[in-house]
Amino acid sequence: MGRPLGTGKLAAHAGFLQELVTQDPDMTLFELRDALADAEGVTVHHSAIARLLKRLGFTHKKSRWWPPNADARR
């Protein structure tokens, strides 16, 4: 059911998005969406970009900036 993988609206722009993420890994999905709209004239929802990036092998890593647990200082 549904569209076969690799035939969606973003299939032709996968290389463009991959290049953007490679150049700046800290770009948000909203920034990627806006860059795609500005450069290619394609408007999509940010979740579609997230699904494409996941298929391309990109993952989301949580940052470890939070302070340590109070119990760990003892």
N, C-alpha and C. Protein backbone atom coordinates (compact mmCIF):
# COMPACT_ATOMS: atom_id res chain seq x y z
N MET A 1 0.82 -1.16 0.00
CA MET A 1 0.00 0.00 0.00
C MET A 1 0.88 1.24 0.00
N GLY A 2 0.39 2.27 -0.56
CA GLY A 2 1.14 3.52 -0.57
C GLY A 2 2.13 3.58 -1.72
N ARG A 3 2.89 4.62 -1.72
CA ARG A 3 3.86 4.87 -2.77
C ARG A 3 5.12 4.01 -2.55
N PRO A 4 5.68 3.43 -3.59
CA PRO A 4 6.91 2.66 -3.43
C PRO A 4 8.06 3.58 -2.98
N LEU A 5 8.98 3.04 -2.17
CA LEU A 5 10.10 3.83 -1.69
C LEU A 5 10.94 4.33 -2.86
N GLY A 6 11.40 5.57 -2.74
CA GLY A 6 12.26 6.14 -3.77
C GLY A 6 11.52 6.81 -4.91
N THR A 7 10.20 6.95 -4.81
CA THR A 7 9.44 7.57 -5.90
C THR A 7 8.66 8.79 -5.44
N GLY A 8 8.92 9.27 -4.24
CA GLY A 8 8.18 10.39 -3.70
C GLY A 8 8.66 11.73 -4.22
N LYS A 9 8.07 12.77 -3.69
CA LYS A 9 8.39 14.14 -4.09
C LYS A 9 9.84 14.49 -3.81
N LEU A 10 10.41 13.92 -2.75
CA LEU A 10 11.78 14.25 -2.36
C LEU A 10 12.85 13.37 -3.00
N ALA A 11 12.45 12.35 -3.72
CA ALA A 11 13.43 11.41 -4.30
C ALA A 11 14.44 12.13 -5.18
N ALA A 12 14.00 13.09 -5.96
CA ALA A 12 14.91 13.81 -6.85
C ALA A 12 15.82 14.77 -6.10
N HIS A 13 15.50 15.08 -4.85
CA HIS A 13 16.25 16.06 -4.08
C HIS A 13 17.04 15.43 -2.93
N ALA A 14 17.12 14.11 -2.91
CA ALA A 14 17.83 13.42 -1.83
C ALA A 14 19.30 13.82 -1.79
N GLY A 15 19.94 13.93 -2.92
CA GLY A 15 21.35 14.33 -2.97
C GLY A 15 21.57 15.73 -2.42
N PHE A 16 20.66 16.63 -2.75
CA PHE A 16 20.75 18.01 -2.27
C PHE A 16 20.66 18.05 -0.75
N LEU A 17 19.69 17.34 -0.19
CA LEU A 17 19.52 17.33 1.27
C LEU A 17 20.69 16.63 1.95
N GLN A 18 21.18 15.57 1.35
CA GLN A 18 22.32 14.86 1.92
C GLN A 18 23.56 15.76 1.94
N GLU A 19 23.76 16.53 0.91
CA GLU A 19 24.88 17.47 0.85
C GLU A 19 24.76 18.54 1.92
N LEU A 20 23.55 19.07 2.13
CA LEU A 20 23.34 20.08 3.17
C LEU A 20 23.66 19.55 4.55
N VAL A 21 23.22 18.34 4.84
CA VAL A 21 23.45 17.75 6.16
C VAL A 21 24.94 17.42 6.34
N THR A 22 25.59 17.01 5.27
CA THR A 22 27.02 16.71 5.35
C THR A 22 27.82 17.99 5.63
N GLN A 23 27.43 19.09 5.01
CA GLN A 23 28.12 20.35 5.22
C GLN A 23 27.89 20.92 6.61
N ASP A 24 26.67 20.81 7.10
CA ASP A 24 26.32 21.35 8.42
C ASP A 24 25.44 20.35 9.16
N PRO A 25 26.04 19.45 9.95
CA PRO A 25 25.26 18.41 10.63
C PRO A 25 24.28 18.94 11.67
N ASP A 26 24.43 20.20 12.09
CA ASP A 26 23.55 20.76 13.12
C ASP A 26 22.32 21.46 12.56
N MET A 27 22.07 21.35 11.26
CA MET A 27 20.88 21.98 10.67
C MET A 27 19.63 21.30 11.19
N THR A 28 18.62 22.10 11.46
CA THR A 28 17.35 21.54 11.91
C THR A 28 16.51 21.13 10.70
N LEU A 29 15.48 20.37 10.94
CA LEU A 29 14.58 19.96 9.86
C LEU A 29 13.90 21.18 9.24
N PHE A 30 13.60 22.18 10.07
CA PHE A 30 12.95 23.38 9.55
C PHE A 30 13.91 24.17 8.66
N GLU A 31 15.18 24.21 9.02
CA GLU A 31 16.18 24.88 8.18
C GLU A 31 16.36 24.14 6.86
N LEU A 32 16.36 22.81 6.92
CA LEU A 32 16.46 22.02 5.69
C LEU A 32 15.24 22.25 4.80
N ARG A 33 14.07 22.29 5.41
CA ARG A 33 12.84 22.54 4.65
C ARG A 33 12.89 23.89 3.95
N ASP A 34 13.35 24.92 4.67
CA ASP A 34 13.43 26.25 4.09
C ASP A 34 14.49 26.34 3.00
N ALA A 35 15.62 25.67 3.19
CA ALA A 35 16.68 25.67 2.18
C ALA A 35 16.20 24.97 0.91
N LEU A 36 15.45 23.89 1.06
CA LEU A 36 14.91 23.18 -0.10
C LEU A 36 13.90 24.05 -0.84
N ALA A 37 13.08 24.76 -0.11
CA ALA A 37 12.08 25.64 -0.73
C ALA A 37 12.76 26.79 -1.46
N ASP A 38 13.81 27.36 -0.87
CA ASP A 38 14.51 28.48 -1.50
C ASP A 38 15.29 28.05 -2.74
N ALA A 39 16.00 26.93 -2.64
CA ALA A 39 16.88 26.51 -3.72
C ALA A 39 16.15 25.80 -4.85
N GLU A 40 15.20 24.94 -4.50
CA GLU A 40 14.55 24.09 -5.50
C GLU A 40 13.09 24.43 -5.76
N GLY A 41 12.50 25.24 -4.89
CA GLY A 41 11.08 25.59 -5.05
C GLY A 41 10.13 24.48 -4.65
N VAL A 42 10.60 23.55 -3.82
CA VAL A 42 9.79 22.41 -3.39
C VAL A 42 9.34 22.65 -1.96
N THR A 43 8.05 22.56 -1.71
CA THR A 43 7.54 22.71 -0.35
C THR A 43 7.04 21.36 0.15
N VAL A 44 7.58 20.95 1.29
CA VAL A 44 7.20 19.69 1.93
C VAL A 44 7.13 19.91 3.43
N HIS A 45 6.55 18.97 4.12
CA HIS A 45 6.50 19.01 5.58
C HIS A 45 7.83 18.53 6.12
N HIS A 46 8.23 19.06 7.27
CA HIS A 46 9.53 18.69 7.83
C HIS A 46 9.60 17.20 8.18
N SER A 47 8.49 16.57 8.46
CA SER A 47 8.51 15.14 8.78
C SER A 47 8.86 14.30 7.55
N ALA A 48 8.52 14.78 6.36
CA ALA A 48 8.91 14.06 5.13
C ALA A 48 10.42 14.09 4.97
N ILE A 49 11.04 15.21 5.34
CA ILE A 49 12.50 15.30 5.27
C ILE A 49 13.12 14.37 6.30
N ALA A 50 12.52 14.28 7.48
CA ALA A 50 13.02 13.39 8.53
C ALA A 50 12.98 11.93 8.07
N ARG A 51 11.89 11.53 7.42
CA ARG A 51 11.79 10.16 6.93
C ARG A 51 12.82 9.88 5.85
N LEU A 52 13.05 10.84 4.95
CA LEU A 52 14.05 10.67 3.90
C LEU A 52 15.44 10.54 4.50
N LEU A 53 15.78 11.40 5.46
CA LEU A 53 17.10 11.34 6.09
C LEU A 53 17.30 10.02 6.82
N LYS A 54 16.24 9.50 7.43
CA LYS A 54 16.34 8.21 8.12
C LYS A 54 16.62 7.10 7.11
N ARG A 55 15.95 7.14 5.95
CA ARG A 55 16.21 6.15 4.90
C ARG A 55 17.62 6.27 4.35
N LEU A 56 18.18 7.48 4.35
CA LEU A 56 19.55 7.70 3.86
C LEU A 56 20.60 7.31 4.89
N GLY A 57 20.17 6.97 6.10
CA GLY A 57 21.09 6.50 7.12
C GLY A 57 21.50 7.53 8.15
N PHE A 58 20.91 8.71 8.12
CA PHE A 58 21.21 9.72 9.12
C PHE A 58 20.39 9.44 10.37
N THR A 59 20.99 9.65 11.53
CA THR A 59 20.30 9.41 12.79
C THR A 59 20.38 10.66 13.65
N HIS A 60 19.50 10.73 14.62
CA HIS A 60 19.47 11.85 15.56
C HIS A 60 20.19 11.42 16.83
N LYS A 61 21.21 12.15 17.19
CA LYS A 61 21.94 11.86 18.43
C LYS A 61 21.60 12.93 19.46
N LYS A 62 21.23 12.50 20.63
CA LYS A 62 20.92 13.45 21.69
C LYS A 62 22.23 14.03 22.22
N SER A 63 22.22 15.32 22.52
CA SER A 63 23.42 15.93 23.09
C SER A 63 23.48 15.64 24.58
N ARG A 64 24.66 15.64 25.13
CA ARG A 64 24.83 15.33 26.54
C ARG A 64 25.22 16.58 27.31
N TRP A 65 24.52 17.65 27.14
CA TRP A 65 24.86 18.91 27.78
C TRP A 65 24.25 19.07 29.17
N TRP A 66 23.32 18.20 29.57
CA TRP A 66 22.63 18.39 30.83
C TRP A 66 23.59 18.13 31.99
N PRO A 67 23.35 18.74 33.14
CA PRO A 67 24.24 18.55 34.30
C PRO A 67 24.13 17.13 34.84
N PRO A 68 25.18 16.64 35.48
CA PRO A 68 25.13 15.29 36.02
C PRO A 68 24.13 15.18 37.17
N ASN A 69 23.71 13.98 37.41
CA ASN A 69 22.79 13.69 38.49
C ASN A 69 23.45 14.03 39.83
N ALA A 70 22.69 14.54 40.78
CA ALA A 70 23.24 14.90 42.09
C ALA A 70 23.81 13.69 42.81
N ASP A 71 23.25 12.51 42.59
CA ASP A 71 23.75 11.29 43.23
C ASP A 71 25.14 10.90 42.72
N ALA A 72 25.49 11.30 41.52
CA ALA A 72 26.76 10.93 40.93
C ALA A 72 27.92 11.69 41.58
N ARG A 73 27.66 12.78 42.29
CA ARG A 73 28.73 13.58 42.91
C ARG A 73 29.18 13.01 44.25
N ARG A 74 28.46 12.09 44.80
CA ARG A 74 28.80 11.58 46.13
C ARG A 74 29.94 10.62 46.09
